[in-house]
Every structure is written in C-alpha cells, then in structure tokens.
C-alpha atoms as a PDB file:
ATOM      1  CA  MET A   1      15.656 -17.553  -5.888  1.00  0.00           C
ATOM      2  CA  THR A   2      16.552 -13.950  -5.187  1.00  0.00           C
ATOM      3  CA  ALA A   3      16.052 -12.987  -1.553  1.00  0.00           C
ATOM      4  CA  PRO A   4      13.669 -10.131  -0.761  1.00  0.00           C
ATOM      5  CA  ASP A   5      15.176  -6.663  -0.444  1.00  0.00           C
ATOM      6  CA  LYS A   6      17.096  -6.376   2.793  1.00  0.00           C
ATOM      7  CA  ILE A   7      15.577  -4.108   5.408  1.00  0.00           C
ATOM      8  CA  THR A   8      17.470  -0.882   4.804  1.00  0.00           C
ATOM      9  CA  PRO A   9      16.995   2.876   5.219  1.00  0.00           C
ATOM     10  CA  PRO A  10      14.644   4.484   2.680  1.00  0.00           C
ATOM     11  CA  LYS A  11      15.990   5.415  -0.731  1.00  0.00           C
ATOM     12  CA  GLY A  12      15.345   8.589  -2.714  1.00  0.00           C
ATOM     13  CA  SER A  13      13.325   8.843  -5.908  1.00  0.00           C
ATOM     14  CA  SER A  14      16.428   8.518  -8.107  1.00  0.00           C
ATOM     15  CA  TYR A  15      17.076   5.062  -6.612  1.00  0.00           C
ATOM     16  CA  TRP A  16      13.546   3.963  -7.478  1.00  0.00           C
ATOM     17  CA  ASP A  17      13.680   5.575 -10.927  1.00  0.00           C
ATOM     18  CA  ASP A  18      16.764   3.466 -11.660  1.00  0.00           C
ATOM     19  CA  ARG A  19      15.090   0.317 -10.395  1.00  0.00           C
ATOM     20  CA  PHE A  20      11.925   0.895 -12.380  1.00  0.00           C
ATOM     21  CA  LYS A  21      13.967   1.614 -15.541  1.00  0.00           C
ATOM     22  CA  GLU A  22      15.046  -2.019 -15.535  1.00  0.00           C
ATOM     23  CA  GLU A  23      13.449  -4.289 -18.105  1.00  0.00           C
ATOM     24  CA  GLY A  24      10.167  -5.815 -16.999  1.00  0.00           C
ATOM     25  CA  PHE A  25       8.407  -5.107 -13.721  1.00  0.00           C
ATOM     26  CA  ALA A  26      10.500  -5.108 -10.554  1.00  0.00           C
ATOM     27  CA  TYR A  27       7.687  -6.572  -8.432  1.00  0.00           C
ATOM     28  CA  GLY A  28       5.705  -8.189 -11.217  1.00  0.00           C
ATOM     29  CA  LYS A  29       2.398  -7.290 -12.856  1.00  0.00           C
ATOM     30  CA  VAL A  30       0.247  -9.411 -10.528  1.00  0.00           C
ATOM     31  CA  ALA A  31      -1.291  -7.723  -7.498  1.00  0.00           C
ATOM     32  CA  ASN A  32      -0.191  -8.524  -3.961  1.00  0.00           C
ATOM     33  CA  ASP A  33      -1.879 -11.744  -2.849  1.00  0.00           C
ATOM     34  CA  PHE A  34      -3.048 -10.345   0.492  1.00  0.00           C
ATOM     35  CA  LEU A  35      -4.780  -7.480  -1.318  1.00  0.00           C
ATOM     36  CA  MET A  36      -6.394  -9.971  -3.672  1.00  0.00           C
ATOM     37  CA  ALA A  37      -7.603 -12.058  -0.729  1.00  0.00           C
ATOM     38  CA  CYS A  38      -9.141  -8.956   0.864  1.00  0.00           C
ATOM     39  CA  ALA A  39     -10.845  -7.812  -2.337  1.00  0.00           C
ATOM     40  CA  PRO A  40     -14.239  -9.499  -1.780  1.00  0.00           C
ATOM     41  CA  LYS A  41     -14.557  -7.674   1.561  1.00  0.00           C
ATOM     42  CA  LEU A  42     -13.709  -4.207   0.267  1.00  0.00           C
ATOM     43  CA  PRO A  43     -16.276  -1.442  -0.335  1.00  0.00           C
ATOM     44  CA  ARG A  44     -16.232  -0.248  -3.934  1.00  0.00           C
ATOM     45  CA  GLY A  45     -15.672   3.389  -4.781  1.00  0.00           C
ATOM     46  CA  LYS A  46     -12.613   5.634  -4.734  1.00  0.00           C
ATOM     47  CA  ALA A  47      -9.305   3.969  -3.870  1.00  0.00           C
ATOM     48  CA  LEU A  48      -5.917   5.463  -3.006  1.00  0.00           C
ATOM     49  CA  SER A  49      -2.738   3.381  -3.304  1.00  0.00           C
ATOM     50  CA  LEU A  50       0.259   4.785  -1.420  1.00  0.00           C
ATOM     51  CA  GLY A  51       3.757   4.190  -2.789  1.00  0.00           C
ATOM     52  CA  GLU A  52       2.242   2.360  -5.751  1.00  0.00           C
ATOM     53  CA  GLY A  53       5.377   2.003  -7.867  1.00  0.00           C
ATOM     54  CA  GLU A  54       4.720   0.344 -11.233  1.00  0.00           C
ATOM     55  CA  GLY A  55       0.975  -0.066 -10.840  1.00  0.00           C
ATOM     56  CA  ARG A  56       0.256  -3.743 -10.212  1.00  0.00           C
ATOM     57  CA  ASN A  57      -2.049  -3.156  -7.231  1.00  0.00           C
ATOM     58  CA  ALA A  58      -3.712  -0.030  -8.597  1.00  0.00           C
ATOM     59  CA  VAL A  59      -4.508  -1.712 -11.916  1.00  0.00           C
ATOM     60  CA  PHE A  60      -5.947  -4.724 -10.105  1.00  0.00           C
ATOM     61  CA  LEU A  61      -8.276  -2.457  -8.144  1.00  0.00           C
ATOM     62  CA  ALA A  62      -9.271  -0.583 -11.306  1.00  0.00           C
ATOM     63  CA  GLN A  63     -10.174  -3.897 -12.913  1.00  0.00           C
ATOM     64  CA  LEU A  64     -12.533  -4.503  -9.991  1.00  0.00           C
ATOM     65  CA  GLY A  65     -14.303  -1.226 -10.721  1.00  0.00           C
ATOM     66  CA  PHE A  66     -12.568   1.102  -8.266  1.00  0.00           C
ATOM     67  CA  GLU A  67     -11.789   4.692  -9.264  1.00  0.00           C
ATOM     68  CA  VAL A  68      -8.090   4.491  -8.427  1.00  0.00           C
ATOM     69  CA  THR A  69      -5.478   7.120  -7.636  1.00  0.00           C
ATOM     70  CA  ALA A  70      -1.867   5.918  -7.438  1.00  0.00           C
ATOM     71  CA  VAL A  71       0.694   8.001  -5.548  1.00  0.00           C
ATOM     72  CA  ASP A  72       4.457   7.571  -5.832  1.00  0.00           C
ATOM     73  CA  PHE A  73       7.512   9.801  -6.016  1.00  0.00           C
ATOM     74  CA  SER A  74       9.044   7.902  -8.946  1.00  0.00           C
ATOM     75  CA  GLU A  75       8.023   9.361 -12.290  1.00  0.00           C
ATOM     76  CA  VAL A  76       9.387   6.271 -14.031  1.00  0.00           C
ATOM     77  CA  GLY A  77       7.273   3.978 -11.871  1.00  0.00           C
ATOM     78  CA  LEU A  78       4.122   5.965 -12.517  1.00  0.00           C
ATOM     79  CA  GLN A  79       4.745   5.996 -16.280  1.00  0.00           C
ATOM     80  CA  LYS A  80       4.913   2.196 -16.190  1.00  0.00           C
ATOM     81  CA  ALA A  81       1.743   2.144 -14.097  1.00  0.00           C
ATOM     82  CA  GLN A  82      -0.060   4.174 -16.754  1.00  0.00           C
ATOM     83  CA  ARG A  83       1.185   1.847 -19.503  1.00  0.00           C
ATOM     84  CA  LEU A  84       0.011  -1.197 -17.551  1.00  0.00           C
ATOM     85  CA  ALA A  85      -3.397   0.425 -17.052  1.00  0.00           C
ATOM     86  CA  ARG A  86      -3.693   1.132 -20.778  1.00  0.00           C
ATOM     87  CA  GLN A  87      -2.708  -2.452 -21.585  1.00  0.00           C
ATOM     88  CA  GLN A  88      -5.481  -3.687 -19.297  1.00  0.00           C
ATOM     89  CA  GLY A  89      -7.989  -1.149 -20.585  1.00  0.00           C
ATOM     90  CA  VAL A  90      -8.683   0.566 -17.264  1.00  0.00           C
ATOM     91  CA  PRO A  91      -8.451   4.218 -16.172  1.00  0.00           C
ATOM     92  CA  LEU A  92      -5.846   5.206 -13.591  1.00  0.00           C
ATOM     93  CA  THR A  93      -5.033   8.564 -12.026  1.00  0.00           C
ATOM     94  CA  CYS A  94      -1.366   8.992 -11.067  1.00  0.00           C
ATOM     95  CA  ILE A  95       0.027  11.632  -8.725  1.00  0.00           C
ATOM     96  CA  ARG A  96       3.766  12.161  -8.383  1.00  0.00           C
ATOM     97  CA  ALA A  97       4.268  13.168  -4.761  1.00  0.00           C
ATOM     98  CA  ASP A  98       6.422  12.506  -1.741  1.00  0.00           C
ATOM     99  CA  LEU A  99       4.410  10.814   1.012  1.00  0.00           C
ATOM    100  CA  ALA A 100       6.224  13.079   3.473  1.00  0.00           C
ATOM    101  CA  ASP A 101       3.914  15.946   2.549  1.00  0.00           C
ATOM    102  CA  PHE A 102       1.042  14.219   0.756  1.00  0.00           C
ATOM    103  CA  ASP A 103      -2.427  15.201   1.997  1.00  0.00           C
ATOM    104  CA  MET A 104      -5.036  12.428   1.792  1.00  0.00           C
ATOM    105  CA  GLY A 105      -7.907  14.867   2.282  1.00  0.00           C
ATOM    106  CA  THR A 106     -11.114  14.514   4.293  1.00  0.00           C
ATOM    107  CA  GLN A 107     -13.713  11.744   3.750  1.00  0.00           C
ATOM    108  CA  ARG A 108     -12.322  11.282   0.263  1.00  0.00           C
ATOM    109  CA  TRP A 109     -11.612   7.554  -0.027  1.00  0.00           C
ATOM    110  CA  ASP A 110     -13.555   4.324   0.240  1.00  0.00           C
ATOM    111  CA  LEU A 111     -10.275   2.403   0.316  1.00  0.00           C
ATOM    112  CA  VAL A 112      -6.664   3.233   1.156  1.00  0.00           C
ATOM    113  CA  VAL A 113      -3.962   0.686   0.315  1.00  0.00           C
ATOM    114  CA  SER A 114      -0.389   0.564   1.584  1.00  0.00           C
ATOM    115  CA  ILE A 115       1.391  -2.456   0.102  1.00  0.00           C
ATOM    116  CA  PHE A 116       5.094  -2.421   0.975  1.00  0.00           C
ATOM    117  CA  ALA A 117       5.083   1.389   0.910  1.00  0.00           C
ATOM    118  CA  GLN A 118       7.000   1.516   4.228  1.00  0.00           C
ATOM    119  CA  PRO A 119       7.746   5.235   4.661  1.00  0.00           C
ATOM    120  CA  ASP A 120       9.841   6.654   7.502  1.00  0.00           C
ATOM    121  CA  SER A 121       8.199   6.391  10.908  1.00  0.00           C
ATOM    122  CA  ALA A 122       7.216  10.069  11.128  1.00  0.00           C
ATOM    123  CA  VAL A 123       5.640   9.960   7.663  1.00  0.00           C
ATOM    124  CA  ARG A 124       3.905   6.658   8.387  1.00  0.00           C
ATOM    125  CA  GLN A 125       2.458   7.887  11.659  1.00  0.00           C
ATOM    126  CA  ARG A 126       1.192  11.099  10.076  1.00  0.00           C
ATOM    127  CA  LEU A 127      -0.478   9.257   7.187  1.00  0.00           C
ATOM    128  CA  TYR A 128      -1.959   6.429   9.221  1.00  0.00           C
ATOM    129  CA  GLY A 129      -3.121   8.935  11.813  1.00  0.00           C
ATOM    130  CA  GLN A 130      -5.122  10.664   9.053  1.00  0.00           C
ATOM    131  CA  LEU A 131      -7.008   7.533   8.033  1.00  0.00           C
ATOM    132  CA  GLY A 132      -9.917   8.226  10.355  1.00  0.00           C
ATOM    133  CA  GLN A 133     -10.611  11.519   8.591  1.00  0.00           C
ATOM    134  CA  SER A 134      -9.472  10.574   5.085  1.00  0.00           C
ATOM    135  CA  LEU A 135     -11.668   7.495   4.709  1.00  0.00           C
ATOM    136  CA  LYS A 136     -15.396   7.775   4.160  1.00  0.00           C
ATOM    137  CA  PRO A 137     -17.588   6.104   6.805  1.00  0.00           C
ATOM    138  CA  GLY A 138     -17.483   2.377   6.149  1.00  0.00           C
ATOM    139  CA  GLY A 139     -14.197   2.698   4.248  1.00  0.00           C
ATOM    140  CA  ALA A 140     -11.342   0.202   4.455  1.00  0.00           C
ATOM    141  CA  PHE A 141      -7.563   0.146   4.848  1.00  0.00           C
ATOM    142  CA  VAL A 142      -5.330  -2.671   3.577  1.00  0.00           C
ATOM    143  CA  LEU A 143      -1.674  -2.913   4.551  1.00  0.00           C
ATOM    144  CA  GLU A 144       1.197  -5.295   4.070  1.00  0.00           C
ATOM    145  CA  SER A 145       4.724  -4.328   5.081  1.00  0.00           C
ATOM    146  CA  LYS A 146       8.027  -5.912   5.998  1.00  0.00           C
ATOM    147  CA  VAL A 147       8.770  -6.397   9.688  1.00  0.00           C
ATOM    148  CA  ASP A 148      12.011  -6.113  11.608  1.00  0.00           C
ATOM    149  CA  PRO A 149      11.336  -7.983  14.888  1.00  0.00           C
ATOM    150  CA  ALA A 150      13.604  -5.544  16.742  1.00  0.00           C
ATOM    151  CA  ALA A 151      11.883  -2.416  15.402  1.00  0.00           C
ATOM    152  CA  SER A 152      10.180   0.137  17.628  1.00  0.00           C
ATOM    153  CA  ALA A 153       7.532   2.684  16.673  1.00  0.00           C
ATOM    154  CA  HIS A 154      10.394   5.016  15.699  1.00  0.00           C
ATOM    155  CA  ASP A 155      11.693   2.597  13.058  1.00  0.00           C
ATOM    156  CA  ARG A 156      10.619   1.935   9.489  1.00  0.00           C
ATOM    157  CA  TYR A 157       9.562  -1.703   9.832  1.00  0.00           C
ATOM    158  CA  PRO A 158       7.546  -2.122  13.051  1.00  0.00           C
ATOM    159  CA  GLY A 159       5.479  -5.163  13.935  1.00  0.00           C
ATOM    160  CA  VAL A 160       1.749  -5.558  13.619  1.00  0.00           C
ATOM    161  CA  ASN A 161       0.939  -4.486  17.188  1.00  0.00           C
ATOM    162  CA  ILE A 162       2.603  -1.093  16.681  1.00  0.00           C
ATOM    163  CA  LEU A 163       0.864  -0.642  13.340  1.00  0.00           C
ATOM    164  CA  ARG A 164      -2.490  -1.435  14.937  1.00  0.00           C
ATOM    165  CA  GLN A 165      -1.937   1.380  17.416  1.00  0.00           C
ATOM    166  CA  GLU A 166      -1.032   3.819  14.655  1.00  0.00           C
ATOM    167  CA  ILE A 167      -4.362   3.223  12.866  1.00  0.00           C
ATOM    168  CA  GLY A 168      -6.270   3.471  16.132  1.00  0.00           C
ATOM    169  CA  ALA A 169      -9.274   5.252  14.611  1.00  0.00           C
ATOM    170  CA  LEU A 170     -10.107   2.112  12.608  1.00  0.00           C
ATOM    171  CA  ARG A 171     -11.568  -1.224  13.649  1.00  0.00           C
ATOM    172  CA  VAL A 172      -9.154  -4.027  12.844  1.00  0.00           C
ATOM    173  CA  VAL A 173     -10.830  -6.891  10.996  1.00  0.00           C
ATOM    174  CA  HIS A 174      -7.680  -8.929  10.389  1.00  0.00           C
ATOM    175  CA  ALA A 175      -4.121  -8.566  11.692  1.00  0.00           C
ATOM    176  CA  LEU A 176      -1.292 -11.045  11.256  1.00  0.00           C
ATOM    177  CA  GLU A 177       2.453 -10.948  11.668  1.00  0.00           C
ATOM    178  CA  ASP A 178       4.266 -13.981  10.344  1.00  0.00           C
ATOM    179  CA  GLU A 179       7.026 -15.209   8.080  1.00  0.00           C
ATOM    180  CA  ARG A 180       5.855 -16.076   4.605  1.00  0.00           C
ATOM    181  CA  VAL A 181       7.180 -16.755   1.126  1.00  0.00           C
ATOM    182  CA  LEU A 182       6.995 -13.810  -1.285  1.00  0.00           C
ATOM    183  CA  ASP A 183       6.776 -14.359  -5.029  1.00  0.00           C
ATOM    184  CA  GLU A 184       6.428 -10.892  -6.538  1.00  0.00           C
ATOM    185  CA  GLY A 185       8.713 -10.090  -9.448  1.00  0.00           C
ATOM    186  CA  ARG A 186      12.509 -10.093  -9.115  1.00  0.00           C
ATOM    187  CA  TYR A 187      12.835  -8.264  -5.825  1.00  0.00           C
ATOM    188  CA  HIS A 188      10.242  -9.971  -3.632  1.00  0.00           C
ATOM    189  CA  GLN A 189      11.329 -13.593  -3.733  1.00  0.00           C
ATOM    190  CA  GLY A 190      11.793 -15.875  -0.737  1.00  0.00           C
ATOM    191  CA  ARG A 191      11.004 -15.854   2.956  1.00  0.00           C
ATOM    192  CA  GLN A 192      10.131 -12.540   4.626  1.00  0.00           C
ATOM    193  CA  ARG A 193       8.462 -11.569   7.890  1.00  0.00           C
ATOM    194  CA  THR A 194       5.520  -9.271   7.179  1.00  0.00           C
ATOM    195  CA  ALA A 195       2.604  -7.553   8.871  1.00  0.00           C
ATOM    196  CA  GLN A 196      -0.843  -7.747   7.266  1.00  0.00           C
ATOM    197  CA  ILE A 197      -3.808  -5.620   8.313  1.00  0.00           C
ATOM    198  CA  LEU A 198      -7.364  -5.177   7.075  1.00  0.00           C
ATOM    199  CA  ALA A 199      -9.243  -2.474   8.975  1.00  0.00           C
ATOM    200  CA  ARG A 200     -12.494  -0.543   8.604  1.00  0.00           C
ATOM    201  CA  LEU A 201     -13.801   2.853   9.612  1.00  0.00           C
ATOM    202  CA  ASP A 202     -17.177   2.387  11.257  1.00  0.00           C
ATOM    203  CA  GLY A 203     -20.025   4.201   9.579  1.00  0.00           C
ATOM    204  CA  ALA A 204     -21.904   7.087  11.139  1.00  0.00           C
ATOM    205  CA  ASP A 205     -24.441   4.601  12.461  1.00  0.00           C
ATOM    206  CA  GLY A 206     -21.680   2.509  14.065  1.00  0.00           C
ATOM    207  CA  VAL A 207     -22.089  -0.298  11.558  1.00  0.00           C
ATOM    208  CA  ASN A 208     -19.505  -1.203   8.927  1.00  0.00           C
ATOM    209  CA  LYS A 209     -20.902  -1.327   5.435  1.00  0.00           C
END
C-alpha cells in the first residue's frame, strides 16, 4: 500500500491543482470515516467544510440534508467537487478562497468540518478561535488531522491537547489521538497518527441541542 503523505510544509494551490488533475479522486469519493461516525450526532442545517478538496465530505453531508459550503484554494479540486455533487444529485456551494484570509462569519453555521485541512498554525489558530462566534448556538465542529508527536502549537500538526485548547470556546464531546490505518484514495493509505475531535457550542440556555 502507498504510505500516507509525509508530514511536510504546506503546499501552494498549484501543487494541489496538479494533484487533483490526476485521474480519479486523490482521497477517494467516500467520506472520512470519523465524520461518518459523528453524523448521527450532528445538528442539521448549514455546514461549512474547510479545505474540502475534491468534495467527498461535502457531498456526504449534502446527502444527509445539510446545506453545504465547501471552501478550498484549488479551483481544480472544487470543479471535481461540483461534478461529484451533480453525480450524486445534491446541491453544493463552492468558494475558492485561501483559509489564511477566509472569514467564517458570525452565527452562520450549524456545523464546521475540518478533515485533514491542516493549515499553518497562525491560520489554524485564527480559524479555530472564530468557532465560538461562527457557529450557531448548539452547533458542532468535527476535526481530523495528522499529528506529529514532536509538534508544538506553532507547528502545523499539533496533538489533540493543543487542538482542544485552540477551540476553547467549544465543549469537547470526543477527543482522541492515536495511530490508525487510513484507507482514503491513493494518498491516505497505511498507518498514520491522527487527532480526532467532536465539539459543540452550548446553546444560549446552556444546553446542547
């Protein structure tokens, strides 16, 4: 099997355009299994998927009835996401944007998803720090990312404890850091240490919906 992508510095949009131009889907058409496991616990409504790529997670959420917006800086990836959505007969809004300056808005989302998006630390901290204002009361956040055991908060692949601190406005429902076997297309194959988080923003009455 092909090993998962090595933990490396972030690549520009041209790198990802080239990857997504390859035949087939780089990370498959099937949604991330952690996201699928979380699905029964997620509030329905408007969903935002950060660094969505070719659309597998966004289309899965749209099939569940979410009104989904996919954000990525690869035009090629988003075009494939739109084709996948059409094939599955679901609507999908795509926004080409760099997460470095993307504004998630205020009380706009019932769900925010970050599946292997893994932006630079400054970008990650800005985005995750906005979750408390960007999610609607009772909204949810789902994350899976690669982990470098030696990483600090200033690195791109920190562990689950650092990530928990960065989403401090939310109540963590599930958090796990462990080594697991990935089976997602050509580029996520084999053993990889990851962090998984499901978190909620308490409602105005202090109760999660």
